[in-house]
Amino acid sequence: MESTIGAPVFDDPRVGPIDSHAECVFAADARFDPLPHLKAGRLVGMIEPAAPVMVDRNTPVMLGEFIRSPGFMAVEQILESFGPIASVHVTSQCGSGQGTLFARLYDAMRVLEHLCGGVEMVDAMLVGPNAAQSNEPAHAHVDAIPDDLPDLTGHIGVLVRHAPRALATISASDQGCWHRAVHLNGPGGTLQVDEAGVAWTDPSGAQVESHAGLTGSFEHACSQLGSEFRDLVSTPRRLPAAELSKEAYSACEAVRLSCRTRAPESTDLIRHVLDRT
């Protein structure tokens, strides 16, 4: 089987591409292991996150992240004028066939990593895709929390504490339509960011910068993904800030753990474990 660009397609990443003569592998599988391909000297592009690995200074790159969208790059240009960030809310959701909840959570953590720095503590809750409001004690639902990040599904809410001091919240889901957005508050007022642009309202309610809002957000994200894939192949390893992030991965694992323990969790321990592997 071949793709529309003439490249071979493999349904099972455990076979085929490992023994092929491919120089570049593009993976959309949540359980894809990039390590054998890195050892074979291949360029690896991914749209589902994995634990960060490196072979001979070569790492997989994540494609299609919100931090490289036109909207996010635009807001980075005006943050100095806006002033220090007091709070951030990130919405990151998708629907069937558009990726995993882990990918959406990781994408949101990457936004916070760029805006607020490292995550200090998370307090999270997962509600399953078919769950309804219940008077049952919270521990009755702990068994529904999976052991592996790619198995997360449903709706997740996270309260995030950063060092230096900053407050953030995340709303992530794999049960809705595609939607990625960031809401920032600070002395400059409010910034509303989607994948295409930024709207800025000052504390008096006056519009400093306007943006009509994005329609066709999934198509826009696919266009960004396609452009990044072409750039990856034509100028290998030159995508900005695209390497898998140990900080973001550790924060996601802390979120999963917090959903299970029903308590705030620090990212430090998980980061130390990753440093040893």
C-alpha atoms as a PDB file:
ATOM      1  CA  MET A   1       0.000   0.000   0.000  1.00  0.00           C
ATOM      2  CA  GLU A   2       1.190   3.540  -0.745  1.00  0.00           C
ATOM      3  CA  SER A   3       0.108   6.983   0.406  1.00  0.00           C
ATOM      4  CA  THR A   4      -0.999   9.757  -1.923  1.00  0.00           C
ATOM      5  CA  ILE A   5       2.575  11.117  -1.856  1.00  0.00           C
ATOM      6  CA  GLY A   6       3.987   7.816  -3.090  1.00  0.00           C
ATOM      7  CA  ALA A   7       5.429   6.669   0.250  1.00  0.00           C
ATOM      8  CA  PRO A   8       4.792   3.130   1.556  1.00  0.00           C
ATOM      9  CA  VAL A   9       2.244   2.838   4.357  1.00  0.00           C
ATOM     10  CA  PHE A  10       2.519   0.244   7.155  1.00  0.00           C
ATOM     11  CA  ASP A  11      -0.448  -0.612   9.362  1.00  0.00           C
ATOM     12  CA  ASP A  12       1.784  -2.383  11.895  1.00  0.00           C
ATOM     13  CA  PRO A  13       4.796  -0.261  12.912  1.00  0.00           C
ATOM     14  CA  ARG A  14       6.483  -3.295  14.496  1.00  0.00           C
ATOM     15  CA  VAL A  15       7.259  -4.710  11.075  1.00  0.00           C
ATOM     16  CA  GLY A  16       7.796  -3.312   7.593  1.00  0.00           C
ATOM     17  CA  PRO A  17       9.342   0.104   8.211  1.00  0.00           C
ATOM     18  CA  ILE A  18      12.061  -1.290  10.494  1.00  0.00           C
ATOM     19  CA  ASP A  19      13.373  -3.501   7.701  1.00  0.00           C
ATOM     20  CA  SER A  20      12.692  -1.041   4.895  1.00  0.00           C
ATOM     21  CA  HIS A  21      15.125   1.369   3.254  1.00  0.00           C
ATOM     22  CA  ALA A  22      13.083   4.391   4.339  1.00  0.00           C
ATOM     23  CA  GLU A  23      15.025   7.454   5.457  1.00  0.00           C
ATOM     24  CA  CYS A  24      12.058   9.110   7.146  1.00  0.00           C
ATOM     25  CA  VAL A  25       9.185   7.590   9.154  1.00  0.00           C
ATOM     26  CA  PHE A  26       5.953   9.466   9.879  1.00  0.00           C
ATOM     27  CA  ALA A  27       4.005   7.818  12.717  1.00  0.00           C
ATOM     28  CA  ALA A  28       0.395   8.346  13.769  1.00  0.00           C
ATOM     29  CA  ASP A  29       0.198   5.345  16.123  1.00  0.00           C
ATOM     30  CA  ALA A  30      -0.116   6.078  19.842  1.00  0.00           C
ATOM     31  CA  ARG A  31       2.068   3.064  20.701  1.00  0.00           C
ATOM     32  CA  PHE A  32       4.752   3.657  18.096  1.00  0.00           C
ATOM     33  CA  ASP A  33       8.280   3.050  19.408  1.00  0.00           C
ATOM     34  CA  PRO A  34      10.713   5.445  17.703  1.00  0.00           C
ATOM     35  CA  LEU A  35      13.848   3.880  19.178  1.00  0.00           C
ATOM     36  CA  PRO A  36      14.515   1.162  16.503  1.00  0.00           C
ATOM     37  CA  HIS A  37      14.137   3.771  13.765  1.00  0.00           C
ATOM     38  CA  LEU A  38      16.465   6.233  15.475  1.00  0.00           C
ATOM     39  CA  LYS A  39      19.045   3.448  15.808  1.00  0.00           C
ATOM     40  CA  ALA A  40      18.656   2.829  12.078  1.00  0.00           C
ATOM     41  CA  GLY A  41      19.488   6.495  11.442  1.00  0.00           C
ATOM     42  CA  ARG A  42      16.023   7.482  10.270  1.00  0.00           C
ATOM     43  CA  LEU A  43      14.280  10.793  10.676  1.00  0.00           C
ATOM     44  CA  VAL A  44      11.136  10.250  12.793  1.00  0.00           C
ATOM     45  CA  GLY A  45       8.089  12.527  12.752  1.00  0.00           C
ATOM     46  CA  MET A  46       5.200  11.848  15.159  1.00  0.00           C
ATOM     47  CA  ILE A  47       1.743  13.214  15.898  1.00  0.00           C
ATOM     48  CA  GLU A  48       1.326  11.116  19.064  1.00  0.00           C
ATOM     49  CA  PRO A  49       3.748  11.775  21.954  1.00  0.00           C
ATOM     50  CA  ALA A  50       6.068   9.212  23.491  1.00  0.00           C
ATOM     51  CA  ALA A  51       8.701   9.140  26.212  1.00  0.00           C
ATOM     52  CA  PRO A  52      11.635  11.301  25.044  1.00  0.00           C
ATOM     53  CA  VAL A  53      14.556   9.301  23.615  1.00  0.00           C
ATOM     54  CA  MET A  54      17.803  10.228  21.880  1.00  0.00           C
ATOM     55  CA  VAL A  55      20.192   8.231  19.710  1.00  0.00           C
ATOM     56  CA  ASP A  56      23.404   9.865  18.485  1.00  0.00           C
ATOM     57  CA  ARG A  57      21.888  13.299  19.199  1.00  0.00           C
ATOM     58  CA  ASN A  58      18.904  12.394  17.002  1.00  0.00           C
ATOM     59  CA  THR A  59      15.420  12.652  18.544  1.00  0.00           C
ATOM     60  CA  PRO A  60      11.875  12.223  17.193  1.00  0.00           C
ATOM     61  CA  VAL A  61      10.036  15.431  16.376  1.00  0.00           C
ATOM     62  CA  MET A  62       6.414  16.222  17.142  1.00  0.00           C
ATOM     63  CA  LEU A  63       4.430  17.625  14.242  1.00  0.00           C
ATOM     64  CA  GLY A  64       1.377  19.893  14.294  1.00  0.00           C
ATOM     65  CA  GLU A  65       1.774  21.273  17.826  1.00  0.00           C
ATOM     66  CA  PHE A  66      -0.230  24.339  18.849  1.00  0.00           C
ATOM     67  CA  ILE A  67       2.951  26.193  19.834  1.00  0.00           C
ATOM     68  CA  ARG A  68       3.898  26.437  16.138  1.00  0.00           C
ATOM     69  CA  SER A  69       0.468  27.558  14.954  1.00  0.00           C
ATOM     70  CA  PRO A  70       0.181  31.084  13.503  1.00  0.00           C
ATOM     71  CA  GLY A  71      -1.994  32.143  16.438  1.00  0.00           C
ATOM     72  CA  PHE A  72       0.443  31.058  19.134  1.00  0.00           C
ATOM     73  CA  MET A  73       3.441  32.531  17.319  1.00  0.00           C
ATOM     74  CA  ALA A  74       1.510  35.796  17.053  1.00  0.00           C
ATOM     75  CA  VAL A  75       0.773  35.944  20.783  1.00  0.00           C
ATOM     76  CA  GLU A  76       4.438  35.358  21.611  1.00  0.00           C
ATOM     77  CA  GLN A  77       5.218  38.571  19.721  1.00  0.00           C
ATOM     78  CA  ILE A  78       2.949  40.699  21.921  1.00  0.00           C
ATOM     79  CA  LEU A  79       3.517  39.184  25.390  1.00  0.00           C
ATOM     80  CA  GLU A  80       6.188  41.770  26.259  1.00  0.00           C
ATOM     81  CA  SER A  81       3.649  44.541  25.684  1.00  0.00           C
ATOM     82  CA  PHE A  82       0.892  42.597  27.458  1.00  0.00           C
ATOM     83  CA  GLY A  83       2.875  42.131  30.683  1.00  0.00           C
ATOM     84  CA  PRO A  84       3.383  39.197  33.089  1.00  0.00           C
ATOM     85  CA  ILE A  85       0.931  36.319  32.760  1.00  0.00           C
ATOM     86  CA  ALA A  86      -1.283  35.855  35.822  1.00  0.00           C
ATOM     87  CA  SER A  87      -3.384  32.918  34.648  1.00  0.00           C
ATOM     88  CA  VAL A  88      -3.797  30.714  31.585  1.00  0.00           C
ATOM     89  CA  HIS A  89      -6.563  28.402  30.470  1.00  0.00           C
ATOM     90  CA  VAL A  90      -5.831  25.928  27.680  1.00  0.00           C
ATOM     91  CA  THR A  91      -8.561  24.062  25.803  1.00  0.00           C
ATOM     92  CA  SER A  92      -7.344  21.083  23.808  1.00  0.00           C
ATOM     93  CA  GLN A  93      -9.874  18.635  22.445  1.00  0.00           C
ATOM     94  CA  CYS A  94     -10.477  16.329  19.511  1.00  0.00           C
ATOM     95  CA  GLY A  95     -13.010  13.833  18.236  1.00  0.00           C
ATOM     96  CA  SER A  96     -13.005  10.308  16.886  1.00  0.00           C
ATOM     97  CA  GLY A  97     -10.162   9.651  14.463  1.00  0.00           C
ATOM     98  CA  GLN A  98      -8.379  12.899  15.375  1.00  0.00           C
ATOM     99  CA  GLY A  99      -5.919  11.522  17.933  1.00  0.00           C
ATOM    100  CA  THR A 100      -5.770  10.531  21.579  1.00  0.00           C
ATOM    101  CA  LEU A 101      -6.529  12.315  24.821  1.00  0.00           C
ATOM    102  CA  PHE A 102      -2.833  11.909  25.683  1.00  0.00           C
ATOM    103  CA  ALA A 103      -1.881  13.866  22.555  1.00  0.00           C
ATOM    104  CA  ARG A 104      -4.270  16.676  23.448  1.00  0.00           C
ATOM    105  CA  LEU A 105      -3.014  16.779  27.043  1.00  0.00           C
ATOM    106  CA  TYR A 106       0.619  16.799  25.898  1.00  0.00           C
ATOM    107  CA  ASP A 107      -0.140  19.581  23.411  1.00  0.00           C
ATOM    108  CA  ALA A 108      -1.659  21.667  26.220  1.00  0.00           C
ATOM    109  CA  MET A 109       1.348  21.047  28.474  1.00  0.00           C
ATOM    110  CA  ARG A 110       3.639  22.253  25.704  1.00  0.00           C
ATOM    111  CA  VAL A 111       1.682  25.513  25.595  1.00  0.00           C
ATOM    112  CA  LEU A 112       2.145  25.991  29.343  1.00  0.00           C
ATOM    113  CA  GLU A 113       5.810  25.048  29.099  1.00  0.00           C
ATOM    114  CA  HIS A 114       6.365  27.878  26.627  1.00  0.00           C
ATOM    115  CA  LEU A 115       4.200  30.448  28.419  1.00  0.00           C
ATOM    116  CA  CYS A 116       4.882  29.743  32.098  1.00  0.00           C
ATOM    117  CA  GLY A 117       7.934  27.489  32.357  1.00  0.00           C
ATOM    118  CA  GLY A 118       8.182  24.182  34.199  1.00  0.00           C
ATOM    119  CA  VAL A 119       5.187  22.588  35.919  1.00  0.00           C
ATOM    120  CA  GLU A 120       5.573  22.289  39.681  1.00  0.00           C
ATOM    121  CA  MET A 121       2.322  20.583  40.723  1.00  0.00           C
ATOM    122  CA  VAL A 122      -0.851  19.239  39.097  1.00  0.00           C
ATOM    123  CA  ASP A 123      -4.256  18.328  40.504  1.00  0.00           C
ATOM    124  CA  ALA A 124      -6.383  16.454  37.961  1.00  0.00           C
ATOM    125  CA  MET A 125      -9.615  14.553  37.448  1.00  0.00           C
ATOM    126  CA  LEU A 126     -10.662  12.262  34.616  1.00  0.00           C
ATOM    127  CA  VAL A 127     -14.292  11.602  33.726  1.00  0.00           C
ATOM    128  CA  GLY A 128     -14.802   8.661  31.389  1.00  0.00           C
ATOM    129  CA  PRO A 129     -16.478   9.074  27.998  1.00  0.00           C
ATOM    130  CA  ASN A 130     -19.751   7.495  29.110  1.00  0.00           C
ATOM    131  CA  ALA A 131     -19.767   8.665  32.722  1.00  0.00           C
ATOM    132  CA  ALA A 132     -22.622  10.644  34.210  1.00  0.00           C
ATOM    133  CA  GLN A 133     -22.733  12.686  37.393  1.00  0.00           C
ATOM    134  CA  SER A 134     -22.672  10.308  40.308  1.00  0.00           C
ATOM    135  CA  ASN A 135     -22.996  10.383  44.080  1.00  0.00           C
ATOM    136  CA  GLU A 136     -20.616   7.429  44.392  1.00  0.00           C
ATOM    137  CA  PRO A 137     -17.383   8.161  46.277  1.00  0.00           C
ATOM    138  CA  ALA A 138     -14.494   9.196  44.056  1.00  0.00           C
ATOM    139  CA  HIS A 139     -12.440   6.101  44.909  1.00  0.00           C
ATOM    140  CA  ALA A 140     -15.082   3.976  43.171  1.00  0.00           C
ATOM    141  CA  HIS A 141     -13.830   5.341  39.853  1.00  0.00           C
ATOM    142  CA  VAL A 142     -10.069   4.943  40.450  1.00  0.00           C
ATOM    143  CA  ASP A 143      -9.947   1.546  38.735  1.00  0.00           C
ATOM    144  CA  ALA A 144     -11.041   3.251  35.510  1.00  0.00           C
ATOM    145  CA  ILE A 145      -7.746   5.213  35.363  1.00  0.00           C
ATOM    146  CA  PRO A 146      -5.459   3.343  32.932  1.00  0.00           C
ATOM    147  CA  ASP A 147      -1.837   2.407  33.614  1.00  0.00           C
ATOM    148  CA  ASP A 148      -0.587   3.880  30.333  1.00  0.00           C
ATOM    149  CA  LEU A 149      -0.977   7.416  29.010  1.00  0.00           C
ATOM    150  CA  PRO A 150      -2.092   6.337  25.491  1.00  0.00           C
ATOM    151  CA  ASP A 151      -5.089   4.565  27.087  1.00  0.00           C
ATOM    152  CA  LEU A 152      -6.540   7.731  28.606  1.00  0.00           C
ATOM    153  CA  THR A 153      -9.967   8.571  27.214  1.00  0.00           C
ATOM    154  CA  GLY A 154     -12.791  10.880  28.199  1.00  0.00           C
ATOM    155  CA  HIS A 155     -12.682  14.384  29.658  1.00  0.00           C
ATOM    156  CA  ILE A 156      -9.853  15.638  31.842  1.00  0.00           C
ATOM    157  CA  GLY A 157      -9.496  18.785  33.927  1.00  0.00           C
ATOM    158  CA  VAL A 158      -6.193  19.915  35.424  1.00  0.00           C
ATOM    159  CA  LEU A 159      -5.192  22.646  37.861  1.00  0.00           C
ATOM    160  CA  VAL A 160      -1.517  23.464  37.286  1.00  0.00           C
ATOM    161  CA  ARG A 161       0.877  25.328  39.548  1.00  0.00           C
ATOM    162  CA  HIS A 162       4.063  26.714  38.049  1.00  0.00           C
ATOM    163  CA  ALA A 163       7.356  27.946  39.455  1.00  0.00           C
ATOM    164  CA  PRO A 164       7.838  30.909  39.222  1.00  0.00           C
ATOM    165  CA  ARG A 165       4.315  31.645  40.409  1.00  0.00           C
ATOM    166  CA  ALA A 166       1.672  31.252  37.738  1.00  0.00           C
ATOM    167  CA  LEU A 167      -1.713  29.570  37.646  1.00  0.00           C
ATOM    168  CA  ALA A 168      -3.001  27.495  34.763  1.00  0.00           C
ATOM    169  CA  THR A 169      -5.923  25.220  34.016  1.00  0.00           C
ATOM    170  CA  ILE A 170      -6.367  22.678  31.245  1.00  0.00           C
ATOM    171  CA  SER A 171      -9.537  21.268  29.745  1.00  0.00           C
ATOM    172  CA  ALA A 172      -8.774  18.313  27.452  1.00  0.00           C
ATOM    173  CA  SER A 173     -10.997  15.748  25.776  1.00  0.00           C
ATOM    174  CA  ASP A 174     -11.076  13.160  23.009  1.00  0.00           C
ATOM    175  CA  GLN A 175     -14.885  13.187  22.986  1.00  0.00           C
ATOM    176  CA  GLY A 176     -15.687  16.459  21.217  1.00  0.00           C
ATOM    177  CA  CYS A 177     -14.964  18.322  18.015  1.00  0.00           C
ATOM    178  CA  TRP A 178     -11.462  19.580  17.228  1.00  0.00           C
ATOM    179  CA  HIS A 179     -10.751  22.760  19.198  1.00  0.00           C
ATOM    180  CA  ARG A 180      -7.502  24.251  20.496  1.00  0.00           C
ATOM    181  CA  ALA A 181      -7.434  27.650  22.202  1.00  0.00           C
ATOM    182  CA  VAL A 182      -5.667  29.611  24.940  1.00  0.00           C
ATOM    183  CA  HIS A 183      -7.095  32.294  27.238  1.00  0.00           C
ATOM    184  CA  LEU A 184      -4.554  34.506  29.066  1.00  0.00           C
ATOM    185  CA  ASN A 185      -5.125  37.066  31.809  1.00  0.00           C
ATOM    186  CA  GLY A 186      -2.651  39.675  33.036  1.00  0.00           C
ATOM    187  CA  PRO A 187      -2.116  43.389  33.645  1.00  0.00           C
ATOM    188  CA  GLY A 188      -2.621  43.992  29.930  1.00  0.00           C
ATOM    189  CA  GLY A 189      -6.144  42.564  30.051  1.00  0.00           C
ATOM    190  CA  THR A 190      -7.181  39.391  28.217  1.00  0.00           C
ATOM    191  CA  LEU A 191      -5.743  37.533  25.240  1.00  0.00           C
ATOM    192  CA  GLN A 192      -7.840  34.999  23.324  1.00  0.00           C
ATOM    193  CA  VAL A 193      -5.704  32.797  21.062  1.00  0.00           C
ATOM    194  CA  ASP A 194      -6.761  30.196  18.519  1.00  0.00           C
ATOM    195  CA  GLU A 195      -4.739  28.455  15.815  1.00  0.00           C
ATOM    196  CA  ALA A 196      -5.035  31.361  13.380  1.00  0.00           C
ATOM    197  CA  GLY A 197      -4.776  34.561  15.424  1.00  0.00           C
ATOM    198  CA  VAL A 198      -5.115  36.628  18.604  1.00  0.00           C
ATOM    199  CA  ALA A 199      -7.735  38.968  20.080  1.00  0.00           C
ATOM    200  CA  TRP A 200      -6.573  41.387  22.795  1.00  0.00           C
ATOM    201  CA  THR A 201      -8.937  43.251  25.123  1.00  0.00           C
ATOM    202  CA  ASP A 202      -7.491  45.704  27.664  1.00  0.00           C
ATOM    203  CA  PRO A 203      -8.765  45.977  31.288  1.00  0.00           C
ATOM    204  CA  SER A 204     -11.248  48.697  30.285  1.00  0.00           C
ATOM    205  CA  GLY A 205     -12.840  46.433  27.688  1.00  0.00           C
ATOM    206  CA  ALA A 206     -11.353  48.243  24.703  1.00  0.00           C
ATOM    207  CA  GLN A 207     -10.177  46.160  21.763  1.00  0.00           C
ATOM    208  CA  VAL A 208      -6.408  46.474  21.311  1.00  0.00           C
ATOM    209  CA  GLU A 209      -6.168  43.781  18.653  1.00  0.00           C
ATOM    210  CA  SER A 210      -9.095  42.041  16.990  1.00  0.00           C
ATOM    211  CA  HIS A 211      -9.482  38.565  15.535  1.00  0.00           C
ATOM    212  CA  ALA A 212     -12.688  37.247  14.027  1.00  0.00           C
ATOM    213  CA  GLY A 213     -12.163  33.702  15.260  1.00  0.00           C
ATOM    214  CA  LEU A 214     -11.353  30.548  13.364  1.00  0.00           C
ATOM    215  CA  THR A 215     -13.682  28.385  11.319  1.00  0.00           C
ATOM    216  CA  GLY A 216     -12.573  25.010  10.008  1.00  0.00           C
ATOM    217  CA  SER A 217     -10.066  24.585  12.847  1.00  0.00           C
ATOM    218  CA  PHE A 218      -9.345  20.904  12.115  1.00  0.00           C
ATOM    219  CA  GLU A 219      -8.631  21.672   8.456  1.00  0.00           C
ATOM    220  CA  HIS A 220      -6.348  24.478   9.609  1.00  0.00           C
ATOM    221  CA  ALA A 221      -4.481  22.081  11.915  1.00  0.00           C
ATOM    222  CA  CYS A 222      -4.133  19.531   9.098  1.00  0.00           C
ATOM    223  CA  SER A 223      -2.681  22.238   6.855  1.00  0.00           C
ATOM    224  CA  GLN A 224      -0.099  23.095   9.513  1.00  0.00           C
ATOM    225  CA  LEU A 225       0.736  19.408   9.920  1.00  0.00           C
ATOM    226  CA  GLY A 226       1.227  18.977   6.179  1.00  0.00           C
ATOM    227  CA  SER A 227       3.486  22.016   5.964  1.00  0.00           C
ATOM    228  CA  GLU A 228       5.606  20.817   8.868  1.00  0.00           C
ATOM    229  CA  PHE A 229       5.924  17.342   7.362  1.00  0.00           C
ATOM    230  CA  ARG A 230       7.183  18.843   4.104  1.00  0.00           C
ATOM    231  CA  ASP A 231       9.637  21.030   6.017  1.00  0.00           C
ATOM    232  CA  LEU A 232      10.841  18.054   8.040  1.00  0.00           C
ATOM    233  CA  VAL A 233      11.633  16.053   4.913  1.00  0.00           C
ATOM    234  CA  SER A 234      13.177  18.917   2.949  1.00  0.00           C
ATOM    235  CA  THR A 235      15.218  20.440   5.816  1.00  0.00           C
ATOM    236  CA  PRO A 236      15.728  17.546   8.273  1.00  0.00           C
ATOM    237  CA  ARG A 237      15.708  18.308  12.003  1.00  0.00           C
ATOM    238  CA  ARG A 238      15.192  22.045  11.510  1.00  0.00           C
ATOM    239  CA  LEU A 239      11.656  22.422  12.835  1.00  0.00           C
ATOM    240  CA  PRO A 240      11.798  24.895  15.759  1.00  0.00           C
ATOM    241  CA  ALA A 241      11.045  23.550  19.243  1.00  0.00           C
ATOM    242  CA  ALA A 242       9.755  20.240  17.899  1.00  0.00           C
ATOM    243  CA  GLU A 243      11.697  17.676  19.940  1.00  0.00           C
ATOM    244  CA  LEU A 244       9.755  15.540  22.396  1.00  0.00           C
ATOM    245  CA  SER A 245       9.707  17.355  25.756  1.00  0.00           C
ATOM    246  CA  LYS A 246      10.674  15.563  28.953  1.00  0.00           C
ATOM    247  CA  GLU A 247       8.981  18.351  30.935  1.00  0.00           C
ATOM    248  CA  ALA A 248       5.658  17.972  29.134  1.00  0.00           C
ATOM    249  CA  TYR A 249       5.766  14.158  29.234  1.00  0.00           C
ATOM    250  CA  SER A 250       6.520  14.189  32.979  1.00  0.00           C
ATOM    251  CA  ALA A 251       3.634  16.591  33.573  1.00  0.00           C
ATOM    252  CA  CYS A 252       1.248  14.308  31.657  1.00  0.00           C
ATOM    253  CA  GLU A 253       2.318  11.311  33.737  1.00  0.00           C
ATOM    254  CA  ALA A 254       1.821  13.369  36.899  1.00  0.00           C
ATOM    255  CA  VAL A 255      -1.706  14.178  35.676  1.00  0.00           C
ATOM    256  CA  ARG A 256      -2.469  10.480  35.158  1.00  0.00           C
ATOM    257  CA  LEU A 257      -1.147   9.717  38.639  1.00  0.00           C
ATOM    258  CA  SER A 258      -3.173  12.555  40.175  1.00  0.00           C
ATOM    259  CA  CYS A 259      -6.346  11.174  38.577  1.00  0.00           C
ATOM    260  CA  ARG A 260      -5.638   7.889  40.346  1.00  0.00           C
ATOM    261  CA  THR A 261      -4.535   9.197  43.756  1.00  0.00           C
ATOM    262  CA  ARG A 262      -7.150  11.985  43.834  1.00  0.00           C
ATOM    263  CA  ALA A 263      -4.424  14.281  45.177  1.00  0.00           C
ATOM    264  CA  PRO A 264      -1.987  16.880  43.851  1.00  0.00           C
ATOM    265  CA  GLU A 265       1.151  15.367  42.346  1.00  0.00           C
ATOM    266  CA  SER A 266       4.610  16.819  41.764  1.00  0.00           C
ATOM    267  CA  THR A 267       6.404  16.320  38.442  1.00  0.00           C
ATOM    268  CA  ASP A 268       9.857  16.109  40.063  1.00  0.00           C
ATOM    269  CA  LEU A 269       9.810  12.385  40.889  1.00  0.00           C
ATOM    270  CA  ILE A 270       8.646  11.380  37.426  1.00  0.00           C
ATOM    271  CA  ARG A 271      11.271  13.616  35.832  1.00  0.00           C
ATOM    272  CA  HIS A 272      13.986  11.966  37.948  1.00  0.00           C
ATOM    273  CA  VAL A 273      12.818   8.509  36.853  1.00  0.00           C
ATOM    274  CA  LEU A 274      12.987   9.586  33.205  1.00  0.00           C
ATOM    275  CA  ASP A 275      16.484  10.948  33.729  1.00  0.00           C
ATOM    276  CA  ARG A 276      17.614   7.477  34.786  1.00  0.00           C
ATOM    277  CA  THR A 277      16.127   5.701  31.758  1.00  0.00           C
END
